[in-house]
Amino acid sequence: MINLERDGDVFVLTMDAGENRWNTNFARAFDARLDEALASEGPAALVTRSSDPKFFSNGLDLDWRRGEGDGEGGDKSVFGDEFFALMDKLITFPMPTLCAVNGHGFGAGFMMALCHDVRMMREDRGYLCANEIQIGMAIPDAELSLFRHKMSGSAFFDTVQLARRWTGPEAKAAGFVQDVADMDSLFDKTMDRARQLAPLGANRALFAQSKERIFGEEPSINDRSGAAYLLRQGHG
């Protein structure tokens, strides 16, 4: 479901569940791989990717969420709290984090991509989209705070209110994707950047603290209105 390998100073987390839709078991598997990376010492960076050529992460597992019982996705009653706690853990992760967005990233998948420090995206296919309003779901405050934290005002409005589907070049122009590449070179390009950034992960405490301070006191991600704070409080 979720695999973790190490290539020198770079941890590579591969989502390997088809469309990589989010349910409780998927979130817990992702979290366990993060803990493995956290157990390391010294310079390090984390790269997240998908094994599916079409999907990076296609959002919430709606069939599981709307079906009867807990099913194969795990305990529904804890999903919201555990998912948002995972996103808080990722946005404050004490080493550089990068994601190679090779295909569609919708809803929770888009949110997870934004919790990384650096986003690299396929330039010819795939969209990033917060489609909650299209499927009749209200976006939680914590998710809104995350989008607001990572985007300009105009991109934020287009994303959460108009459910805009962003291509790689459009997302790069809007500033929330750092670079684009064709499918064949996307992962290698992301890995090259991860190796450059890995030395910043040697001092984990400083790197984590800096993430929580660089935007100043008022918009800080750990301020009461900040993304990390709200993610940590849960999904309400």
Protein backbone atom coordinates (compact mmCIF):
# COMPACT_ATOMS: atom_id res chain seq x y z
CA MET A 1 0.00 0.00 0.00
CA ILE A 2 2.76 2.43 1.04
CA ASN A 3 6.43 1.58 0.50
CA LEU A 4 9.53 3.35 1.80
CA GLU A 5 13.03 3.00 0.41
CA ARG A 6 16.22 4.95 1.01
CA ASP A 7 18.52 6.20 -1.74
CA GLY A 8 21.50 7.81 -0.04
CA ASP A 9 20.16 10.73 1.97
CA VAL A 10 16.73 10.62 0.31
CA PHE A 11 13.77 8.60 1.55
CA VAL A 12 11.36 7.67 -1.25
CA LEU A 13 7.77 7.06 -0.14
CA THR A 14 5.75 5.37 -2.86
CA MET A 15 1.96 5.21 -2.71
CA ASP A 16 1.04 1.89 -4.29
CA ALA A 17 -2.74 1.54 -4.03
CA GLY A 18 -3.99 2.42 -7.50
CA GLU A 19 -5.78 5.76 -7.24
CA ASN A 20 -4.34 6.14 -3.71
CA ARG A 21 -7.62 7.18 -2.18
CA TRP A 22 -7.63 8.13 1.48
CA ASN A 23 -9.22 5.98 4.16
CA THR A 24 -8.11 5.17 7.70
CA ASN A 25 -5.90 2.24 6.78
CA PHE A 26 -4.19 4.19 4.00
CA ALA A 27 -3.54 7.11 6.36
CA ARG A 28 -2.10 4.81 9.00
CA ALA A 29 0.18 3.10 6.50
CA PHE A 30 1.42 6.50 5.28
CA ASP A 31 2.00 7.61 8.87
CA ALA A 32 3.99 4.47 9.67
CA ARG A 33 6.34 5.13 6.77
CA LEU A 34 6.88 8.69 7.98
CA ASP A 35 7.84 7.31 11.37
CA GLU A 36 10.44 5.09 9.71
CA ALA A 37 12.02 8.13 8.09
CA LEU A 38 11.88 10.04 11.37
CA ALA A 39 13.83 7.28 13.09
CA SER A 40 16.89 8.13 10.99
CA GLU A 41 19.66 10.56 11.84
CA GLY A 42 21.77 12.92 9.78
CA PRO A 43 21.06 14.65 6.46
CA ALA A 44 17.80 13.54 4.90
CA ALA A 45 14.94 14.52 2.61
CA LEU A 46 11.65 12.82 1.77
CA VAL A 47 10.20 12.36 -1.72
CA THR A 48 6.59 11.23 -2.12
CA ARG A 49 5.42 9.70 -5.38
CA SER A 50 2.80 7.33 -6.81
CA SER A 51 3.31 4.06 -8.63
CA ASP A 52 0.21 4.71 -10.76
CA PRO A 53 0.97 6.56 -14.02
CA LYS A 54 -2.39 8.35 -14.04
CA PHE A 55 -3.11 9.17 -10.40
CA PHE A 56 -1.02 10.83 -7.73
CA SER A 57 -3.85 10.65 -5.19
CA ASN A 58 -7.49 10.83 -6.18
CA GLY A 59 -8.81 12.10 -2.86
CA LEU A 60 -11.10 10.63 -0.24
CA ASP A 61 -12.23 7.02 -0.60
CA LEU A 62 -15.86 7.98 -1.19
CA ASP A 63 -17.15 4.44 -1.73
CA TRP A 64 -15.73 3.44 1.65
CA ARG A 65 -16.91 6.62 3.36
CA ARG A 66 -20.47 6.29 2.08
CA GLY A 67 -20.74 2.51 2.35
CA GLU A 68 -22.08 0.49 5.24
CA GLY A 69 -19.77 -0.45 8.07
CA ASP A 70 -16.04 0.14 8.22
CA GLY A 71 -15.17 -2.19 5.36
CA GLU A 72 -11.61 -2.62 4.15
CA GLY A 73 -10.78 1.05 4.69
CA GLY A 74 -10.75 0.79 8.47
CA ASP A 75 -12.45 2.61 11.33
CA LYS A 76 -14.50 5.48 9.89
CA SER A 77 -15.04 7.14 13.26
CA VAL A 78 -11.38 8.14 13.62
CA PHE A 79 -10.56 8.98 10.02
CA GLY A 80 -11.00 12.76 10.20
CA ASP A 81 -8.88 13.23 13.29
CA GLU A 82 -6.16 10.83 12.14
CA PHE A 83 -5.98 12.24 8.62
CA PHE A 84 -5.66 15.83 9.78
CA ALA A 85 -3.09 14.84 12.40
CA LEU A 86 -1.12 13.20 9.59
CA MET A 87 -1.28 16.36 7.49
CA ASP A 88 -0.04 18.37 10.48
CA LYS A 89 2.83 15.91 10.87
CA LEU A 90 3.73 16.27 7.20
CA ILE A 91 3.57 20.06 6.99
CA THR A 92 5.89 20.34 10.01
CA PHE A 93 8.11 17.39 9.06
CA PRO A 94 11.69 18.02 10.30
CA MET A 95 13.38 17.43 6.97
CA PRO A 96 12.80 18.76 3.44
CA THR A 97 9.78 17.15 1.80
CA LEU A 98 9.13 17.01 -1.93
CA CYS A 99 6.43 15.37 -4.01
CA ALA A 100 6.49 14.27 -7.63
CA VAL A 101 2.92 14.81 -8.78
CA ASN A 102 2.76 12.48 -11.77
CA GLY A 103 -1.01 12.54 -12.27
CA HIS A 104 -4.30 13.69 -10.81
CA GLY A 105 -4.29 15.00 -7.25
CA PHE A 106 -7.84 15.74 -6.11
CA GLY A 107 -9.26 16.80 -2.74
CA ALA A 108 -7.28 15.12 0.02
CA GLY A 109 -4.59 14.24 -2.51
CA PHE A 110 -4.14 17.91 -3.42
CA MET A 111 -4.10 18.76 0.27
CA MET A 112 -1.37 16.19 0.94
CA ALA A 113 0.73 17.61 -1.91
CA LEU A 114 0.46 21.09 -0.42
CA CYS A 115 1.75 19.81 2.92
CA HIS A 116 5.11 19.15 1.25
CA ASP A 117 7.77 21.84 1.05
CA VAL A 118 8.34 21.45 -2.69
CA ARG A 119 5.97 20.30 -5.43
CA MET A 120 7.16 19.08 -8.81
CA MET A 121 4.41 18.28 -11.31
CA ARG A 122 4.02 16.52 -14.61
CA GLU A 123 3.73 19.16 -17.32
CA ASP A 124 1.61 17.39 -19.95
CA ARG A 125 -1.11 15.51 -18.03
CA GLY A 126 -2.86 15.53 -14.67
CA TYR A 127 -4.66 18.11 -12.56
CA LEU A 128 -4.54 19.41 -9.02
CA CYS A 129 -8.05 20.23 -7.86
CA ALA A 130 -9.99 20.77 -4.64
CA ASN A 131 -13.29 19.41 -5.88
CA GLU A 132 -15.23 19.30 -2.61
CA ILE A 133 -17.74 21.93 -3.66
CA GLN A 134 -18.49 19.91 -6.81
CA ILE A 135 -19.34 16.76 -4.84
CA GLY A 136 -21.41 18.52 -2.19
CA MET A 137 -18.86 18.63 0.62
CA ALA A 138 -17.84 21.64 2.70
CA ILE A 139 -14.10 22.20 2.95
CA PRO A 140 -13.05 22.03 6.63
CA ASP A 141 -11.46 25.10 8.21
CA ALA A 142 -8.10 23.36 8.57
CA GLU A 143 -7.99 22.57 4.86
CA LEU A 144 -8.97 26.14 3.98
CA SER A 145 -6.16 27.42 6.17
CA LEU A 146 -3.70 25.13 4.41
CA PHE A 147 -4.73 26.33 0.95
CA ARG A 148 -4.61 29.95 2.11
CA HIS A 149 -1.14 29.39 3.58
CA LYS A 150 0.29 27.90 0.38
CA MET A 151 -1.40 30.04 -2.30
CA SER A 152 -1.83 33.60 -3.44
CA GLY A 153 -5.24 35.14 -2.82
CA SER A 154 -6.46 34.73 -6.39
CA ALA A 155 -5.26 31.12 -6.67
CA PHE A 156 -6.84 30.36 -3.30
CA PHE A 157 -10.24 31.68 -4.43
CA ASP A 158 -10.12 29.87 -7.76
CA THR A 159 -9.16 26.65 -5.98
CA VAL A 160 -11.65 26.49 -3.12
CA GLN A 161 -14.60 28.44 -4.50
CA LEU A 162 -14.45 27.67 -8.22
CA ALA A 163 -12.90 24.17 -8.01
CA ARG A 164 -10.35 25.08 -10.64
CA ARG A 165 -8.39 22.23 -12.18
CA TRP A 166 -4.76 23.28 -12.30
CA THR A 167 -2.40 21.86 -14.89
CA GLY A 168 1.28 21.68 -14.06
CA PRO A 169 2.28 24.80 -16.03
CA GLU A 170 -0.68 26.75 -14.58
CA ALA A 171 0.18 25.70 -11.03
CA LYS A 172 3.81 26.70 -11.57
CA ALA A 173 2.74 30.10 -12.91
CA ALA A 174 0.48 30.53 -9.87
CA GLY A 175 3.44 29.81 -7.61
CA PHE A 176 2.37 26.76 -5.63
CA VAL A 177 4.22 24.25 -7.81
CA GLN A 178 7.96 24.88 -8.01
CA ASP A 179 8.73 23.14 -11.30
CA VAL A 180 7.33 20.86 -14.01
CA ALA A 181 8.80 18.07 -16.11
CA ASP A 182 7.74 15.41 -18.54
CA MET A 183 6.77 12.03 -17.14
CA ASP A 184 10.08 10.38 -17.97
CA SER A 185 12.17 12.93 -16.08
CA LEU A 186 9.81 14.02 -13.27
CA PHE A 187 11.05 11.61 -10.60
CA ASP A 188 14.73 12.09 -11.46
CA LYS A 189 14.33 15.85 -11.36
CA THR A 190 12.61 15.63 -7.98
CA MET A 191 15.35 13.36 -6.64
CA ASP A 192 18.05 15.75 -7.82
CA ARG A 193 16.39 18.57 -5.93
CA ALA A 194 15.92 16.35 -2.86
CA ARG A 195 19.63 15.52 -2.77
CA GLN A 196 20.42 19.24 -2.90
CA LEU A 197 18.09 19.92 0.03
CA ALA A 198 18.93 16.88 2.18
CA PRO A 199 21.75 18.61 4.13
CA LEU A 200 19.12 20.98 5.56
CA GLY A 201 17.59 17.96 7.31
CA ALA A 202 20.68 17.23 9.38
CA ASN A 203 19.47 19.50 12.20
CA ARG A 204 15.92 18.20 12.52
CA ALA A 205 14.92 20.41 15.45
CA LEU A 206 16.05 23.60 13.73
CA PHE A 207 14.45 22.68 10.41
CA ALA A 208 11.09 21.97 12.09
CA GLN A 209 11.26 25.12 14.20
CA SER A 210 12.06 27.23 11.16
CA LYS A 211 9.00 25.95 9.33
CA GLU A 212 6.87 27.18 12.21
CA ARG A 213 8.48 30.63 12.40
CA ILE A 214 9.38 31.87 8.93
CA PHE A 215 6.01 33.43 8.17
CA GLY A 216 5.94 35.55 11.32
CA GLU A 217 3.76 35.40 14.39
CA GLU A 218 0.38 36.27 12.95
CA PRO A 219 0.23 34.00 9.87
CA SER A 220 2.46 31.33 11.43
CA ILE A 221 1.36 27.79 10.66
CA ASN A 222 1.17 27.15 14.42
CA ASP A 223 -0.79 30.31 15.24
CA ARG A 224 -4.42 29.68 16.28
CA SER A 225 -5.51 30.56 12.75
CA GLY A 226 -2.59 28.76 11.12
CA ALA A 227 -2.65 25.62 9.05
CA ALA A 228 -0.60 23.40 11.35
CA TYR A 229 -2.54 24.46 14.45
CA LEU A 230 -5.91 23.81 12.85
CA LEU A 231 -4.79 20.50 11.35
CA ARG A 232 -3.64 19.41 14.79
CA GLN A 233 -7.02 20.23 16.34
CA GLY A 234 -8.90 17.87 14.04
CA HIS A 235 -11.34 18.09 11.19
CA GLY A 236 -14.16 20.14 12.68
